[in-house]
N, C-alpha and C. Protein backbone atom coordinates (compact mmCIF):
# COMPACT_ATOMS: atom_id res chain seq x y z
N MET A 1 3.29 12.33 14.66
CA MET A 1 4.32 11.39 14.30
C MET A 1 4.74 11.68 12.84
N PRO A 2 5.96 11.93 12.59
CA PRO A 2 6.42 12.19 11.20
C PRO A 2 6.53 10.91 10.40
N PHE A 3 6.51 11.05 9.08
CA PHE A 3 6.71 9.87 8.22
C PHE A 3 8.10 9.33 8.38
N ASN A 4 8.21 8.08 8.70
CA ASN A 4 9.54 7.43 8.77
C ASN A 4 9.64 6.55 7.54
N THR A 5 10.81 5.91 7.41
CA THR A 5 11.04 5.07 6.18
C THR A 5 10.00 3.97 6.04
N GLU A 6 9.64 3.33 7.15
CA GLU A 6 8.66 2.22 7.07
C GLU A 6 7.28 2.73 6.61
N ILE A 7 6.88 3.82 7.11
CA ILE A 7 5.56 4.38 6.70
C ILE A 7 5.62 4.80 5.25
N THR A 8 6.74 5.40 4.84
CA THR A 8 6.87 5.83 3.46
C THR A 8 6.79 4.62 2.53
N GLU A 9 7.47 3.53 2.88
CA GLU A 9 7.37 2.30 2.05
C GLU A 9 5.94 1.78 1.97
N GLU A 10 5.24 1.82 3.04
CA GLU A 10 3.86 1.34 3.03
C GLU A 10 2.98 2.26 2.17
N LEU A 11 3.18 3.58 2.30
CA LEU A 11 2.41 4.51 1.47
C LEU A 11 2.73 4.37 0.00
N ASN A 12 3.97 4.07 -0.34
CA ASN A 12 4.34 3.86 -1.72
C ASN A 12 3.67 2.64 -2.27
N ILE A 13 3.49 1.58 -1.49
CA ILE A 13 2.73 0.40 -2.00
C ILE A 13 1.25 0.77 -2.20
N LEU A 14 0.67 1.46 -1.22
CA LEU A 14 -0.71 1.84 -1.39
C LEU A 14 -0.93 2.74 -2.62
N ALA A 15 0.02 3.55 -2.94
CA ALA A 15 -0.06 4.48 -4.08
C ALA A 15 -0.08 3.73 -5.38
N ARG A 16 0.38 2.48 -5.41
CA ARG A 16 0.37 1.67 -6.61
C ARG A 16 -0.95 1.03 -6.97
N TYR A 17 -1.83 0.96 -5.97
CA TYR A 17 -3.11 0.35 -6.28
C TYR A 17 -3.99 1.29 -7.06
N THR A 18 -4.80 0.68 -7.96
CA THR A 18 -5.75 1.43 -8.72
C THR A 18 -7.08 1.40 -7.94
N LEU A 19 -7.81 2.53 -7.86
CA LEU A 19 -9.05 2.59 -7.14
C LEU A 19 -10.23 2.49 -8.05
N GLU A 20 -10.00 2.41 -9.41
CA GLU A 20 -11.09 2.36 -10.33
C GLU A 20 -11.81 1.03 -10.25
N THR A 21 -11.17 -0.02 -9.79
CA THR A 21 -11.81 -1.35 -9.74
C THR A 21 -11.34 -2.07 -8.47
N THR A 22 -12.17 -2.98 -8.03
CA THR A 22 -11.77 -3.81 -6.89
C THR A 22 -11.23 -5.13 -7.36
N GLN A 23 -11.19 -5.33 -8.72
CA GLN A 23 -10.75 -6.57 -9.27
C GLN A 23 -9.27 -6.61 -9.68
N GLU A 24 -8.55 -5.54 -9.32
CA GLU A 24 -7.15 -5.46 -9.68
C GLU A 24 -6.30 -5.33 -8.41
N GLY A 25 -5.42 -6.25 -8.20
CA GLY A 25 -4.53 -6.24 -7.05
C GLY A 25 -3.06 -6.02 -7.41
N LEU A 26 -2.19 -6.26 -6.48
CA LEU A 26 -0.80 -6.16 -6.68
C LEU A 26 -0.11 -7.47 -6.29
N LYS A 27 1.04 -7.75 -6.88
CA LYS A 27 1.85 -8.88 -6.48
C LYS A 27 3.25 -8.34 -6.18
N ILE A 28 3.74 -8.57 -4.95
CA ILE A 28 5.10 -8.20 -4.59
C ILE A 28 5.93 -9.47 -4.73
N HIS A 29 6.82 -9.47 -5.68
CA HIS A 29 7.58 -10.67 -6.00
C HIS A 29 8.66 -10.86 -4.97
N SER A 30 9.07 -12.14 -4.86
CA SER A 30 10.06 -12.51 -3.84
C SER A 30 11.44 -11.90 -4.13
N ASN A 31 11.71 -11.40 -5.29
CA ASN A 31 12.99 -10.76 -5.63
C ASN A 31 12.88 -9.21 -5.49
N ALA A 32 11.78 -8.71 -4.96
CA ALA A 32 11.65 -7.27 -4.69
C ALA A 32 12.61 -6.86 -3.57
N GLU A 33 12.83 -5.60 -3.43
CA GLU A 33 13.63 -5.08 -2.35
C GLU A 33 13.09 -5.59 -0.99
N PRO A 34 13.97 -6.00 -0.13
CA PRO A 34 13.54 -6.47 1.20
C PRO A 34 12.65 -5.47 1.92
N SER A 35 12.91 -4.18 1.75
CA SER A 35 12.07 -3.20 2.41
C SER A 35 10.67 -3.17 1.87
N VAL A 36 10.48 -3.44 0.59
CA VAL A 36 9.17 -3.49 -0.05
C VAL A 36 8.42 -4.74 0.47
N ILE A 37 9.12 -5.85 0.50
CA ILE A 37 8.51 -7.09 1.02
C ILE A 37 8.06 -6.94 2.47
N ALA A 38 8.90 -6.29 3.21
CA ALA A 38 8.51 -6.06 4.66
C ALA A 38 7.35 -5.07 4.80
N ALA A 39 7.29 -4.06 3.95
CA ALA A 39 6.20 -3.12 3.97
C ALA A 39 4.88 -3.80 3.61
N ALA A 40 4.90 -4.68 2.65
CA ALA A 40 3.69 -5.42 2.26
C ALA A 40 3.26 -6.30 3.41
N GLN A 41 4.17 -6.92 4.09
CA GLN A 41 3.83 -7.78 5.24
C GLN A 41 3.20 -6.92 6.35
N ARG A 42 3.74 -5.75 6.57
CA ARG A 42 3.13 -4.87 7.62
C ARG A 42 1.73 -4.43 7.19
N LEU A 43 1.50 -4.14 5.93
CA LEU A 43 0.16 -3.71 5.48
C LEU A 43 -0.82 -4.90 5.64
N PHE A 44 -0.35 -6.12 5.39
CA PHE A 44 -1.18 -7.30 5.60
C PHE A 44 -1.47 -7.47 7.07
N ASP A 45 -0.48 -7.32 7.92
CA ASP A 45 -0.63 -7.43 9.39
C ASP A 45 -1.64 -6.42 9.93
N LYS A 46 -1.67 -5.27 9.30
CA LYS A 46 -2.59 -4.17 9.71
C LYS A 46 -4.00 -4.38 9.12
N GLY A 47 -4.15 -5.36 8.28
CA GLY A 47 -5.50 -5.61 7.69
C GLY A 47 -5.82 -4.74 6.50
N LEU A 48 -4.79 -4.17 5.83
CA LEU A 48 -5.02 -3.24 4.72
C LEU A 48 -5.00 -3.99 3.35
N ILE A 49 -4.34 -5.10 3.29
CA ILE A 49 -4.27 -5.86 2.01
C ILE A 49 -4.58 -7.34 2.34
N SER A 50 -4.99 -8.07 1.31
CA SER A 50 -5.48 -9.40 1.57
C SER A 50 -4.44 -10.50 1.65
N GLN A 51 -3.21 -10.23 1.22
CA GLN A 51 -2.17 -11.25 1.21
C GLN A 51 -0.84 -10.58 1.65
N PRO A 52 0.06 -11.35 2.25
CA PRO A 52 1.31 -10.78 2.74
C PRO A 52 2.20 -10.28 1.56
N ASP A 53 1.92 -10.75 0.35
CA ASP A 53 2.70 -10.30 -0.81
C ASP A 53 1.87 -9.44 -1.73
N GLY A 54 0.90 -8.74 -1.21
CA GLY A 54 0.08 -7.86 -2.03
C GLY A 54 -1.36 -8.28 -1.99
N GLY A 55 -1.83 -8.79 -3.11
CA GLY A 55 -3.27 -9.17 -3.18
C GLY A 55 -4.14 -7.96 -3.40
N TYR A 56 -5.30 -7.99 -2.83
CA TYR A 56 -6.26 -6.95 -3.00
C TYR A 56 -6.37 -6.07 -1.76
N LEU A 57 -6.89 -4.88 -1.95
CA LEU A 57 -7.16 -4.02 -0.83
C LEU A 57 -8.38 -4.54 -0.01
N THR A 58 -8.28 -4.49 1.27
CA THR A 58 -9.45 -4.74 2.13
C THR A 58 -10.28 -3.45 2.12
N ASP A 59 -11.42 -3.47 2.79
CA ASP A 59 -12.21 -2.27 2.90
C ASP A 59 -11.45 -1.16 3.59
N LEU A 60 -10.76 -1.50 4.67
CA LEU A 60 -9.91 -0.51 5.36
C LEU A 60 -8.79 -0.10 4.51
N GLY A 61 -8.18 -1.00 3.74
CA GLY A 61 -7.05 -0.65 2.83
C GLY A 61 -7.50 0.25 1.75
N ARG A 62 -8.73 0.07 1.27
CA ARG A 62 -9.24 0.98 0.25
C ARG A 62 -9.35 2.41 0.76
N LYS A 63 -9.91 2.55 1.96
CA LYS A 63 -10.01 3.86 2.56
C LYS A 63 -8.62 4.51 2.78
N ALA A 64 -7.73 3.74 3.29
CA ALA A 64 -6.33 4.23 3.50
C ALA A 64 -5.69 4.61 2.15
N THR A 65 -5.92 3.86 1.11
CA THR A 65 -5.37 4.17 -0.21
C THR A 65 -5.96 5.40 -0.75
N GLU A 66 -7.29 5.59 -0.59
CA GLU A 66 -7.91 6.86 -1.03
C GLU A 66 -7.26 8.03 -0.39
N HIS A 67 -7.05 7.96 0.90
CA HIS A 67 -6.41 9.07 1.64
C HIS A 67 -4.97 9.27 1.22
N ALA A 68 -4.27 8.18 1.09
CA ALA A 68 -2.83 8.25 0.73
C ALA A 68 -2.67 8.88 -0.70
N GLN A 69 -3.54 8.45 -1.63
CA GLN A 69 -3.45 8.96 -2.98
C GLN A 69 -3.89 10.44 -3.04
N ASP A 70 -4.86 10.81 -2.24
CA ASP A 70 -5.26 12.20 -2.17
C ASP A 70 -4.14 13.07 -1.64
N LEU A 71 -3.48 12.57 -0.57
CA LEU A 71 -2.38 13.32 0.04
C LEU A 71 -1.27 13.47 -0.98
N LEU A 72 -0.98 12.41 -1.67
CA LEU A 72 0.14 12.45 -2.67
C LEU A 72 -0.19 13.47 -3.76
N SER A 73 -1.42 13.53 -4.21
CA SER A 73 -1.78 14.49 -5.29
C SER A 73 -1.72 15.95 -4.79
N ILE A 74 -2.04 16.13 -3.54
CA ILE A 74 -1.95 17.44 -2.93
C ILE A 74 -0.53 17.93 -2.79
N VAL A 75 0.32 17.10 -2.23
CA VAL A 75 1.66 17.56 -1.99
C VAL A 75 2.53 17.52 -3.21
N ALA A 76 2.15 16.76 -4.26
CA ALA A 76 2.89 16.71 -5.51
C ALA A 76 2.55 17.84 -6.43
N ALA A 77 1.47 18.55 -6.10
CA ALA A 77 1.01 19.63 -7.06
C ALA A 77 1.93 20.79 -7.01
């Protein structure tokens, strides 16, 4: 399955999380682009983040973020 726009938006959100600490989350504001708000909701629905508007990474979300950020660093090199 190739990356579509929805997956790309979700990966972009995961790429914004810092993996150095579990005490830092994200907040997707209500005035963000509708596609970003929808992507955060999908990540929440999939159990990757703790709140529909960001929050913290779940254990599964942390693993997904590690992989997403690794992939990004490989293809951006």
